[in-house]
Amino acid sequence: MNEDVVTLAAGAEELGVLVGAVGAAGFFGLMIVIVWQVAATWRARMPAAREGQYEELATQYARLPEDTVELQRRTVEEQRQTLDELTRSRLAIGSMEKMMREIE
């Protein structure tokens, strides 16, 4: 009878080791799958983030010609104003020269 108890205890111990090994293998397998999926998700998001950056750059470059045209328009307007001021200054100087000649 004692031999049967020892045999059953030995069998239960082997069964516990087997269950522990299967449980550990399952746990590590689950961890591998989780890490794998997190890495796959991260790799999938990287191109999407780059695509958003490319779209932003494309929008900025699309605005550049418009900005350039606006800057050119402002420059032309400022040049016209400067030319008008220069013309008025020349007229005023011409009038002052004429008055000074009349005074002499």
PDB file of N, CA and C in Angstrom:
ATOM      1  N   MET A   1       0.818  -1.176   0.000  1.00  0.00           N
ATOM      2  CA  MET A   1       0.000   0.000   0.000  1.00  0.00           C
ATOM      3  C   MET A   1       0.864   1.243   0.000  1.00  0.00           C
ATOM      4  N   ASN A   2       1.941   1.224   0.730  1.00  0.00           N
ATOM      5  CA  ASN A   2       2.862   2.349   0.805  1.00  0.00           C
ATOM      6  C   ASN A   2       3.491   2.635  -0.554  1.00  0.00           C
ATOM      7  N   GLU A   3       3.723   1.576  -1.296  1.00  0.00           N
ATOM      8  CA  GLU A   3       4.306   1.744  -2.622  1.00  0.00           C
ATOM      9  C   GLU A   3       3.333   2.452  -3.550  1.00  0.00           C
ATOM     10  N   ASP A   4       2.059   2.157  -3.433  1.00  0.00           N
ATOM     11  CA  ASP A   4       1.043   2.804  -4.263  1.00  0.00           C
ATOM     12  C   ASP A   4       0.964   4.304  -3.975  1.00  0.00           C
ATOM     13  N   VAL A   5       1.074   4.681  -2.717  1.00  0.00           N
ATOM     14  CA  VAL A   5       1.018   6.090  -2.334  1.00  0.00           C
ATOM     15  C   VAL A   5       2.243   6.820  -2.869  1.00  0.00           C
ATOM     16  N   VAL A   6       3.394   6.195  -2.777  1.00  0.00           N
ATOM     17  CA  VAL A   6       4.621   6.797  -3.278  1.00  0.00           C
ATOM     18  C   VAL A   6       4.536   6.942  -4.788  1.00  0.00           C
ATOM     19  N   THR A   7       3.991   5.959  -5.484  1.00  0.00           N
ATOM     20  CA  THR A   7       3.863   6.000  -6.930  1.00  0.00           C
ATOM     21  C   THR A   7       2.884   7.100  -7.343  1.00  0.00           C
ATOM     22  N   LEU A   8       1.770   7.198  -6.617  1.00  0.00           N
ATOM     23  CA  LEU A   8       0.807   8.256  -6.920  1.00  0.00           C
ATOM     24  C   LEU A   8       1.390   9.634  -6.657  1.00  0.00           C
ATOM     25  N   ALA A   9       2.159   9.780  -5.588  1.00  0.00           N
ATOM     26  CA  ALA A   9       2.775  11.059  -5.278  1.00  0.00           C
ATOM     27  C   ALA A   9       3.803  11.425  -6.348  1.00  0.00           C
ATOM     28  N   ALA A  10       4.558  10.439  -6.796  1.00  0.00           N
ATOM     29  CA  ALA A  10       5.545  10.684  -7.841  1.00  0.00           C
ATOM     30  C   ALA A  10       4.848  11.059  -9.137  1.00  0.00           C
ATOM     31  N   GLY A  11       3.735  10.380  -9.442  1.00  0.00           N
ATOM     32  CA  GLY A  11       2.973  10.697 -10.649  1.00  0.00           C
ATOM     33  C   GLY A  11       2.367  12.086 -10.570  1.00  0.00           C
ATOM     34  N   ALA A  12       1.889  12.474  -9.393  1.00  0.00           N
ATOM     35  CA  ALA A  12       1.312  13.803  -9.209  1.00  0.00           C
ATOM     36  C   ALA A  12       2.387  14.870  -9.340  1.00  0.00           C
ATOM     37  N   GLU A  13       3.578  14.557  -8.851  1.00  0.00           N
ATOM     38  CA  GLU A  13       4.677  15.528  -8.954  1.00  0.00           C
ATOM     39  C   GLU A  13       5.081  15.723 -10.411  1.00  0.00           C
ATOM     40  N   GLU A  14       5.148  14.626 -11.148  1.00  0.00           N
ATOM     41  CA  GLU A  14       5.477  14.728 -12.580  1.00  0.00           C
ATOM     42  C   GLU A  14       4.383  15.486 -13.322  1.00  0.00           C
ATOM     43  N   LEU A  15       3.143  15.238 -12.951  1.00  0.00           N
ATOM     44  CA  LEU A  15       2.015  15.940 -13.573  1.00  0.00           C
ATOM     45  C   LEU A  15       2.083  17.438 -13.269  1.00  0.00           C
ATOM     46  N   GLY A  16       2.442  17.796 -12.031  1.00  0.00           N
ATOM     47  CA  GLY A  16       2.585  19.209 -11.661  1.00  0.00           C
ATOM     48  C   GLY A  16       3.694  19.890 -12.451  1.00  0.00           C
ATOM     49  N   VAL A  17       4.798  19.184 -12.652  1.00  0.00           N
ATOM     50  CA  VAL A  17       5.896  19.739 -13.455  1.00  0.00           C
ATOM     51  C   VAL A  17       5.450  19.916 -14.895  1.00  0.00           C
ATOM     52  N   LEU A  18       4.725  18.933 -15.424  1.00  0.00           N
ATOM     53  CA  LEU A  18       4.224  19.019 -16.796  1.00  0.00           C
ATOM     54  C   LEU A  18       3.253  20.185 -16.955  1.00  0.00           C
ATOM     55  N   VAL A  19       2.335  20.313 -15.996  1.00  0.00           N
ATOM     56  CA  VAL A  19       1.375  21.425 -16.034  1.00  0.00           C
ATOM     57  C   VAL A  19       2.106  22.759 -15.927  1.00  0.00           C
ATOM     58  N   GLY A  20       3.100  22.841 -15.077  1.00  0.00           N
ATOM     59  CA  GLY A  20       3.887  24.074 -14.940  1.00  0.00           C
ATOM     60  C   GLY A  20       4.635  24.406 -16.219  1.00  0.00           C
ATOM     61  N   ALA A  21       5.214  23.386 -16.847  1.00  0.00           N
ATOM     62  CA  ALA A  21       5.942  23.613 -18.099  1.00  0.00           C
ATOM     63  C   ALA A  21       5.004  24.076 -19.205  1.00  0.00           C
ATOM     64  N   VAL A  22       3.837  23.443 -19.308  1.00  0.00           N
ATOM     65  CA  VAL A  22       2.861  23.841 -20.330  1.00  0.00           C
ATOM     66  C   VAL A  22       2.343  25.253 -20.044  1.00  0.00           C
ATOM     67  N   GLY A  23       2.103  25.541 -18.768  1.00  0.00           N
ATOM     68  CA  GLY A  23       1.635  26.887 -18.401  1.00  0.00           C
ATOM     69  C   GLY A  23       2.684  27.941 -18.713  1.00  0.00           C
ATOM     70  N   ALA A  24       3.954  27.646 -18.400  1.00  0.00           N
ATOM     71  CA  ALA A  24       5.025  28.605 -18.698  1.00  0.00           C
ATOM     72  C   ALA A  24       5.177  28.797 -20.195  1.00  0.00           C
ATOM     73  N   ALA A  25       5.115  27.697 -20.945  1.00  0.00           N
ATOM     74  CA  ALA A  25       5.220  27.797 -22.404  1.00  0.00           C
ATOM     75  C   ALA A  25       4.057  28.621 -22.962  1.00  0.00           C
ATOM     76  N   GLY A  26       2.864  28.402 -22.433  1.00  0.00           N
ATOM     77  CA  GLY A  26       1.704  29.179 -22.887  1.00  0.00           C
ATOM     78  C   GLY A  26       1.852  30.654 -22.562  1.00  0.00           C
ATOM     79  N   PHE A  27       2.340  30.951 -21.365  1.00  0.00           N
ATOM     80  CA  PHE A  27       2.536  32.346 -20.961  1.00  0.00           C
ATOM     81  C   PHE A  27       3.552  33.030 -21.866  1.00  0.00           C
ATOM     82  N   PHE A  28       4.705  32.348 -22.087  1.00  0.00           N
ATOM     83  CA  PHE A  28       5.728  32.943 -22.946  1.00  0.00           C
ATOM     84  C   PHE A  28       5.243  33.060 -24.395  1.00  0.00           C
ATOM     85  N   GLY A  29       4.457  32.076 -24.831  1.00  0.00           N
ATOM     86  CA  GLY A  29       3.874  32.164 -26.182  1.00  0.00           C
ATOM     87  C   GLY A  29       2.946  33.365 -26.292  1.00  0.00           C
ATOM     88  N   LEU A  30       2.120  33.592 -25.279  1.00  0.00           N
ATOM     89  CA  LEU A  30       1.220  34.741 -25.263  1.00  0.00           C
ATOM     90  C   LEU A  30       2.011  36.050 -25.265  1.00  0.00           C
ATOM     91  N   MET A  31       3.073  36.121 -24.471  1.00  0.00           N
ATOM     92  CA  MET A  31       3.899  37.332 -24.433  1.00  0.00           C
ATOM     93  C   MET A  31       4.542  37.607 -25.792  1.00  0.00           C
ATOM     94  N   ILE A  32       4.986  36.537 -26.457  1.00  0.00           N
ATOM     95  CA  ILE A  32       5.588  36.700 -27.789  1.00  0.00           C
ATOM     96  C   ILE A  32       4.560  37.246 -28.773  1.00  0.00           C
ATOM     97  N   VAL A  33       3.350  36.703 -28.736  1.00  0.00           N
ATOM     98  CA  VAL A  33       2.291  37.176 -29.634  1.00  0.00           C
ATOM     99  C   VAL A  33       1.958  38.639 -29.348  1.00  0.00           C
ATOM    100  N   ILE A  34       1.875  39.014 -28.081  1.00  0.00           N
ATOM    101  CA  ILE A  34       1.553  40.406 -27.721  1.00  0.00           C
ATOM    102  C   ILE A  34       2.645  41.344 -28.209  1.00  0.00           C
ATOM    103  N   VAL A  35       3.903  40.992 -27.954  1.00  0.00           N
ATOM    104  CA  VAL A  35       5.017  41.842 -28.408  1.00  0.00           C
ATOM    105  C   VAL A  35       5.026  41.928 -29.930  1.00  0.00           C
ATOM    106  N   TRP A  36       4.777  40.808 -30.591  1.00  0.00           N
ATOM    107  CA  TRP A  36       4.753  40.777 -32.049  1.00  0.00           C
ATOM    108  C   TRP A  36       3.663  41.711 -32.591  1.00  0.00           C
ATOM    109  N   GLN A  37       2.481  41.668 -32.008  1.00  0.00           N
ATOM    110  CA  GLN A  37       1.380  42.510 -32.467  1.00  0.00           C
ATOM    111  C   GLN A  37       1.635  43.993 -32.192  1.00  0.00           C
ATOM    112  N   VAL A  38       2.230  44.283 -31.034  1.00  0.00           N
ATOM    113  CA  VAL A  38       2.570  45.681 -30.731  1.00  0.00           C
ATOM    114  C   VAL A  38       3.582  46.196 -31.748  1.00  0.00           C
ATOM    115  N   ALA A  39       4.581  45.384 -32.060  1.00  0.00           N
ATOM    116  CA  ALA A  39       5.586  45.794 -33.050  1.00  0.00           C
ATOM    117  C   ALA A  39       4.952  45.966 -34.426  1.00  0.00           C
ATOM    118  N   ALA A  40       4.048  45.059 -34.808  1.00  0.00           N
ATOM    119  CA  ALA A  40       3.385  45.170 -36.112  1.00  0.00           C
ATOM    120  C   ALA A  40       2.527  46.427 -36.178  1.00  0.00           C
ATOM    121  N   THR A  41       1.833  46.743 -35.104  1.00  0.00           N
ATOM    122  CA  THR A  41       1.012  47.958 -35.063  1.00  0.00           C
ATOM    123  C   THR A  41       1.890  49.195 -35.164  1.00  0.00           C
ATOM    124  N   TRP A  42       3.003  49.183 -34.463  1.00  0.00           N
ATOM    125  CA  TRP A  42       3.927  50.322 -34.496  1.00  0.00           C
ATOM    126  C   TRP A  42       4.491  50.512 -35.898  1.00  0.00           C
ATOM    127  N   ARG A  43       4.868  49.398 -36.538  1.00  0.00           N
ATOM    128  CA  ARG A  43       5.399  49.490 -37.905  1.00  0.00           C
ATOM    129  C   ARG A  43       4.335  49.977 -38.875  1.00  0.00           C
ATOM    130  N   ALA A  44       3.083  49.628 -38.648  1.00  0.00           N
ATOM    131  CA  ALA A  44       1.999  50.072 -39.536  1.00  0.00           C
ATOM    132  C   ALA A  44       1.711  51.557 -39.351  1.00  0.00           C
ATOM    133  N   ARG A  45       1.903  52.069 -38.144  1.00  0.00           N
ATOM    134  CA  ARG A  45       1.622  53.490 -37.900  1.00  0.00           C
ATOM    135  C   ARG A  45       2.723  54.397 -38.430  1.00  0.00           C
ATOM    136  N   MET A  46       3.931  53.890 -38.529  1.00  0.00           N
ATOM    137  CA  MET A  46       5.047  54.730 -38.996  1.00  0.00           C
ATOM    138  C   MET A  46       4.801  55.291 -40.397  1.00  0.00           C
ATOM    139  N   PRO A  47       4.438  54.473 -41.379  1.00  0.00           N
ATOM    140  CA  PRO A  47       4.166  55.037 -42.713  1.00  0.00           C
ATOM    141  C   PRO A  47       2.993  56.015 -42.704  1.00  0.00           C
ATOM    142  N   ALA A  48       1.996  55.750 -41.874  1.00  0.00           N
ATOM    143  CA  ALA A  48       0.849  56.660 -41.801  1.00  0.00           C
ATOM    144  C   ALA A  48       1.294  58.020 -41.266  1.00  0.00           C
ATOM    145  N   ALA A  49       2.183  58.012 -40.272  1.00  0.00           N
ATOM    146  CA  ALA A  49       2.691  59.281 -39.737  1.00  0.00           C
ATOM    147  C   ALA A  49       3.524  59.993 -40.793  1.00  0.00           C
ATOM    148  N   ARG A  50       4.341  59.244 -41.518  1.00  0.00           N
ATOM    149  CA  ARG A  50       5.143  59.854 -42.585  1.00  0.00           C
ATOM    150  C   ARG A  50       4.239  60.422 -43.672  1.00  0.00           C
ATOM    151  N   GLU A  51       3.175  59.705 -43.986  1.00  0.00           N
ATOM    152  CA  GLU A  51       2.244  60.179 -45.010  1.00  0.00           C
ATOM    153  C   GLU A  51       1.634  61.518 -44.601  1.00  0.00           C
ATOM    154  N   GLY A  52       1.295  61.650 -43.320  1.00  0.00           N
ATOM    155  CA  GLY A  52       0.765  62.924 -42.829  1.00  0.00           C
ATOM    156  C   GLY A  52       1.789  64.038 -42.956  1.00  0.00           C
ATOM    157  N   GLN A  53       3.046  63.737 -42.672  1.00  0.00           N
ATOM    158  CA  GLN A  53       4.100  64.747 -42.810  1.00  0.00           C
ATOM    159  C   GLN A  53       4.283  65.127 -44.272  1.00  0.00           C
ATOM    160  N   TYR A  54       4.217  64.129 -45.181  1.00  0.00           N
ATOM    161  CA  TYR A  54       4.352  64.423 -46.603  1.00  0.00           C
ATOM    162  C   TYR A  54       3.200  65.298 -47.092  1.00  0.00           C
ATOM    163  N   GLU A  55       2.006  65.028 -46.612  1.00  0.00           N
ATOM    164  CA  GLU A  55       0.856  65.850 -47.002  1.00  0.00           C
ATOM    165  C   GLU A  55       1.022  67.284 -46.512  1.00  0.00           C
ATOM    166  N   GLU A  56       1.536  67.443 -45.301  1.00  0.00           N
ATOM    167  CA  GLU A  56       1.767  68.784 -44.760  1.00  0.00           C
ATOM    168  C   GLU A  56       2.811  69.529 -45.591  1.00  0.00           C
ATOM    169  N   LEU A  57       3.894  68.839 -45.958  1.00  0.00           N
ATOM    170  CA  LEU A  57       4.911  69.465 -46.802  1.00  0.00           C
ATOM    171  C   LEU A  57       4.344  69.825 -48.167  1.00  0.00           C
ATOM    172  N   ALA A  58       3.540  68.944 -48.734  1.00  0.00           N
ATOM    173  CA  ALA A  58       2.940  69.232 -50.037  1.00  0.00           C
ATOM    174  C   ALA A  58       2.036  70.456 -49.959  1.00  0.00           C
ATOM    175  N   THR A  59       1.299  70.600 -48.876  1.00  0.00           N
ATOM    176  CA  THR A  59       0.445  71.772 -48.692  1.00  0.00           C
ATOM    177  C   THR A  59       1.281  73.031 -48.584  1.00  0.00           C
ATOM    178  N   GLN A  60       2.374  72.958 -47.843  1.00  0.00           N
ATOM    179  CA  GLN A  60       3.255  74.125 -47.707  1.00  0.00           C
ATOM    180  C   GLN A  60       3.854  74.509 -49.057  1.00  0.00           C
ATOM    181  N   TYR A  61       4.301  73.509 -49.824  1.00  0.00           N
ATOM    182  CA  TYR A  61       4.883  73.803 -51.133  1.00  0.00           C
ATOM    183  C   TYR A  61       3.839  74.307 -52.113  1.00  0.00           C
ATOM    184  N   ALA A  62       2.595  73.872 -51.951  1.00  0.00           N
ATOM    185  CA  ALA A  62       1.529  74.377 -52.819  1.00  0.00           C
ATOM    186  C   ALA A  62       1.248  75.847 -52.524  1.00  0.00           C
ATOM    187  N   ARG A  63       1.446  76.263 -51.264  1.00  0.00           N
ATOM    188  CA  ARG A  63       1.222  77.662 -50.887  1.00  0.00           C
ATOM    189  C   ARG A  63       2.371  78.574 -51.310  1.00  0.00           C
ATOM    190  N   LEU A  64       3.550  78.020 -51.546  1.00  0.00           N
ATOM    191  CA  LEU A  64       4.710  78.852 -51.877  1.00  0.00           C
ATOM    192  C   LEU A  64       4.497  79.738 -53.103  1.00  0.00           C
ATOM    193  N   PRO A  65       3.986  79.224 -54.220  1.00  0.00           N
ATOM    194  CA  PRO A  65       3.770  80.125 -55.364  1.00  0.00           C
ATOM    195  C   PRO A  65       2.794  81.257 -55.041  1.00  0.00           C
ATOM    196  N   GLU A  66       1.755  80.939 -54.281  1.00  0.00           N
ATOM    197  CA  GLU A  66       0.789  81.976 -53.897  1.00  0.00           C
ATOM    198  C   GLU A  66       1.471  83.036 -53.034  1.00  0.00           C
ATOM    199  N   ASP A  67       2.289  82.581 -52.094  1.00  0.00           N
ATOM    200  CA  ASP A  67       3.010  83.520 -51.236  1.00  0.00           C
ATOM    201  C   ASP A  67       3.980  84.370 -52.046  1.00  0.00           C
ATOM    202  N   THR A  68       4.633  83.743 -53.010  1.00  0.00           N
ATOM    203  CA  THR A  68       5.582  84.471 -53.857  1.00  0.00           C
ATOM    204  C   THR A  68       4.867  85.536 -54.671  1.00  0.00           C
ATOM    205  N   VAL A  69       3.724  85.189 -55.227  1.00  0.00           N
ATOM    206  CA  VAL A  69       2.943  86.164 -56.008  1.00  0.00           C
ATOM    207  C   VAL A  69       2.512  87.318 -55.113  1.00  0.00           C
ATOM    208  N   GLU A  70       2.077  87.010 -53.892  1.00  0.00           N
ATOM    209  CA  GLU A  70       1.668  88.058 -52.956  1.00  0.00           C
ATOM    210  C   GLU A  70       2.843  88.962 -52.606  1.00  0.00           C
ATOM    211  N   LEU A  71       4.000  88.375 -52.359  1.00  0.00           N
ATOM    212  CA  LEU A  71       5.189  89.188 -52.057  1.00  0.00           C
ATOM    213  C   LEU A  71       5.570  90.068 -53.241  1.00  0.00           C
ATOM    214  N   GLN A  72       5.486  89.522 -54.443  1.00  0.00           N
ATOM    215  CA  GLN A  72       5.794  90.325 -55.627  1.00  0.00           C
ATOM    216  C   GLN A  72       4.801  91.473 -55.777  1.00  0.00           C
ATOM    217  N   ARG A  73       3.529  91.213 -55.511  1.00  0.00           N
ATOM    218  CA  ARG A  73       2.515  92.264 -55.617  1.00  0.00           C
ATOM    219  C   ARG A  73       2.807  93.379 -54.618  1.00  0.00           C
ATOM    220  N   ARG A  74       3.147  92.973 -53.364  1.00  0.00           N
ATOM    221  CA  ARG A  74       3.464  93.985 -52.356  1.00  0.00           C
ATOM    222  C   ARG A  74       4.706  94.784 -52.743  1.00  0.00           C
ATOM    223  N   THR A  75       5.696  94.096 -53.284  1.00  0.00           N
ATOM    224  CA  THR A  75       6.925  94.784 -53.695  1.00  0.00           C
ATOM    225  C   THR A  75       6.635  95.803 -54.790  1.00  0.00           C
ATOM    226  N   VAL A  76       5.812  95.411 -55.762  1.00  0.00           N
ATOM    227  CA  VAL A  76       5.454  96.336 -56.848  1.00  0.00           C
ATOM    228  C   VAL A  76       4.702  97.533 -56.280  1.00  0.00           C
ATOM    229  N   GLU A  77       3.787  97.300 -55.354  1.00  0.00           N
ATOM    230  CA  GLU A  77       3.028  98.395 -54.738  1.00  0.00           C
ATOM    231  C   GLU A  77       3.952  99.342 -53.974  1.00  0.00           C
ATOM    232  N   GLU A  78       4.893  98.772 -53.226  1.00  0.00           N
ATOM    233  CA  GLU A  78       5.839  99.616 -52.483  1.00  0.00           C
ATOM    234  C   GLU A  78       6.725 100.415 -53.433  1.00  0.00           C
ATOM    235  N   GLN A  79       7.111  99.792 -54.546  1.00  0.00           N
ATOM    236  CA  GLN A  79       7.919 100.520 -55.529  1.00  0.00           C
ATOM    237  C   GLN A  79       7.124 101.670 -56.148  1.00  0.00           C
ATOM    238  N   ARG A  80       5.843 101.442 -56.411  1.00  0.00           N
ATOM    239  CA  ARG A  80       4.999 102.518 -56.951  1.00  0.00           C
ATOM    240  C   ARG A  80       4.888 103.662 -55.944  1.00  0.00           C
ATOM    241  N   GLN A  81       4.690 103.311 -54.658  1.00  0.00           N
ATOM    242  CA  GLN A  81       4.603 104.344 -53.631  1.00  0.00           C
ATOM    243  C   GLN A  81       5.912 105.123 -53.538  1.00  0.00           C
ATOM    244  N   THR A  82       7.020 104.411 -53.591  1.00  0.00           N
ATOM    245  CA  THR A  82       8.332 105.071 -53.534  1.00  0.00           C
ATOM    246  C   THR A  82       8.519 105.984 -54.745  1.00  0.00           C
ATOM    247  N   LEU A  83       8.112 105.518 -55.917  1.00  0.00           N
ATOM    248  CA  LEU A  83       8.224 106.341 -57.119  1.00  0.00           C
ATOM    249  C   LEU A  83       7.349 107.581 -57.010  1.00  0.00           C
ATOM    250  N   ASP A  84       6.127 107.432 -56.471  1.00  0.00           N
ATOM    251  CA  ASP A  84       5.250 108.588 -56.277  1.00  0.00           C
ATOM    252  C   ASP A  84       5.881 109.588 -55.306  1.00  0.00           C
ATOM    253  N   GLU A  85       6.425 109.076 -54.192  1.00  0.00           N
ATOM    254  CA  GLU A  85       7.069 109.964 -53.225  1.00  0.00           C
ATOM    255  C   GLU A  85       8.277 110.660 -53.848  1.00  0.00           C
ATOM    256  N   LEU A  86       9.052 109.924 -54.628  1.00  0.00           N
ATOM    257  CA  LEU A  86      10.221 110.517 -55.294  1.00  0.00           C
ATOM    258  C   LEU A  86       9.794 111.582 -56.289  1.00  0.00           C
ATOM    259  N   THR A  87       8.711 111.298 -57.018  1.00  0.00           N
ATOM    260  CA  THR A  87       8.202 112.284 -57.984  1.00  0.00           C
ATOM    261  C   THR A  87       7.745 113.545 -57.264  1.00  0.00           C
ATOM    262  N   ARG A  88       7.012 113.373 -56.145  1.00  0.00           N
ATOM    263  CA  ARG A  88       6.572 114.539 -55.371  1.00  0.00           C
ATOM    264  C   ARG A  88       7.763 115.306 -54.806  1.00  0.00           C
ATOM    265  N   SER A  89       8.755 114.578 -54.359  1.00  0.00           N
ATOM    266  CA  SER A  89       9.951 115.241 -53.820  1.00  0.00           C
ATOM    267  C   SER A  89      10.664 116.037 -54.909  1.00  0.00           C
ATOM    268  N   ARG A  90      10.766 115.482 -56.098  1.00  0.00           N
ATOM    269  CA  ARG A  90      11.415 116.196 -57.210  1.00  0.00           C
ATOM    270  C   ARG A  90      10.630 117.462 -57.575  1.00  0.00           C
ATOM    271  N   LEU A  91       9.300 117.307 -57.571  1.00  0.00           N
ATOM    272  CA  LEU A  91       8.489 118.492 -57.877  1.00  0.00           C
ATOM    273  C   LEU A  91       8.680 119.571 -56.810  1.00  0.00           C
ATOM    274  N   ALA A  92       8.711 119.132 -55.535  1.00  0.00           N
ATOM    275  CA  ALA A  92       8.894 120.101 -54.452  1.00  0.00           C
ATOM    276  C   ALA A  92      10.266 120.752 -54.539  1.00  0.00           C
ATOM    277  N   ILE A  93      11.289 119.976 -54.831  1.00  0.00           N
ATOM    278  CA  ILE A  93      12.640 120.533 -54.962  1.00  0.00           C
ATOM    279  C   ILE A  93      12.699 121.470 -56.164  1.00  0.00           C
ATOM    280  N   GLY A  94      12.026 121.060 -57.259  1.00  0.00           N
ATOM    281  CA  GLY A  94      11.990 121.935 -58.445  1.00  0.00           C
ATOM    282  C   GLY A  94      11.315 123.256 -58.124  1.00  0.00           C
ATOM    283  N   SER A  95      10.231 123.213 -57.358  1.00  0.00           N
ATOM    284  CA  SER A  95       9.532 124.443 -56.971  1.00  0.00           C
ATOM    285  C   SER A  95      10.421 125.293 -56.080  1.00  0.00           C
ATOM    286  N   MET A  96      11.130 124.661 -55.144  1.00  0.00           N
ATOM    287  CA  MET A  96      12.031 125.424 -54.259  1.00  0.00           C
ATOM    288  C   MET A  96      13.170 126.057 -55.052  1.00  0.00           C
ATOM    289  N   GLU A  97      13.704 125.343 -56.027  1.00  0.00           N
ATOM    290  CA  GLU A  97      14.779 125.898 -56.872  1.00  0.00           C
ATOM    291  C   GLU A  97      14.251 127.109 -57.656  1.00  0.00           C
ATOM    292  N   LYS A  98      13.031 126.968 -58.170  1.00  0.00           N
ATOM    293  CA  LYS A  98      12.437 128.050 -58.946  1.00  0.00           C
ATOM    294  C   LYS A  98      12.239 129.290 -58.065  1.00  0.00           C
ATOM    295  N   MET A  99      11.753 129.071 -56.792  1.00  0.00           N
ATOM    296  CA  MET A  99      11.570 130.206 -55.880  1.00  0.00           C
ATOM    297  C   MET A  99      12.908 130.843 -55.551  1.00  0.00           C
ATOM    298  N   MET A 100      13.924 130.042 -55.342  1.00  0.00           N
ATOM    299  CA  MET A 100      15.236 130.591 -54.989  1.00  0.00           C
ATOM    300  C   MET A 100      15.826 131.379 -56.170  1.00  0.00           C
ATOM    301  N   ARG A 101      15.592 130.945 -57.379  1.00  0.00           N
ATOM    302  CA  ARG A 101      16.086 131.687 -58.540  1.00  0.00           C
ATOM    303  C   ARG A 101      15.360 133.017 -58.673  1.00  0.00           C
ATOM    304  N   GLU A 102      14.054 133.003 -58.340  1.00  0.00           N
ATOM    305  CA  GLU A 102      13.293 134.248 -58.421  1.00  0.00           C
ATOM    306  C   GLU A 102      13.733 135.223 -57.355  1.00  0.00           C
ATOM    307  N   ILE A 103      14.141 134.716 -56.188  1.00  0.00           N
ATOM    308  CA  ILE A 103      14.582 135.571 -55.087  1.00  0.00           C
ATOM    309  C   ILE A 103      15.913 136.214 -55.427  1.00  0.00           C
ATOM    310  N   GLU A 104      16.791 135.531 -56.078  1.00  0.00           N
ATOM    311  CA  GLU A 104      18.112 136.047 -56.398  1.00  0.00           C
ATOM    312  C   GLU A 104      17.968 137.144 -57.352  1.00  0.00           C
TER     313      GLU A 104
END
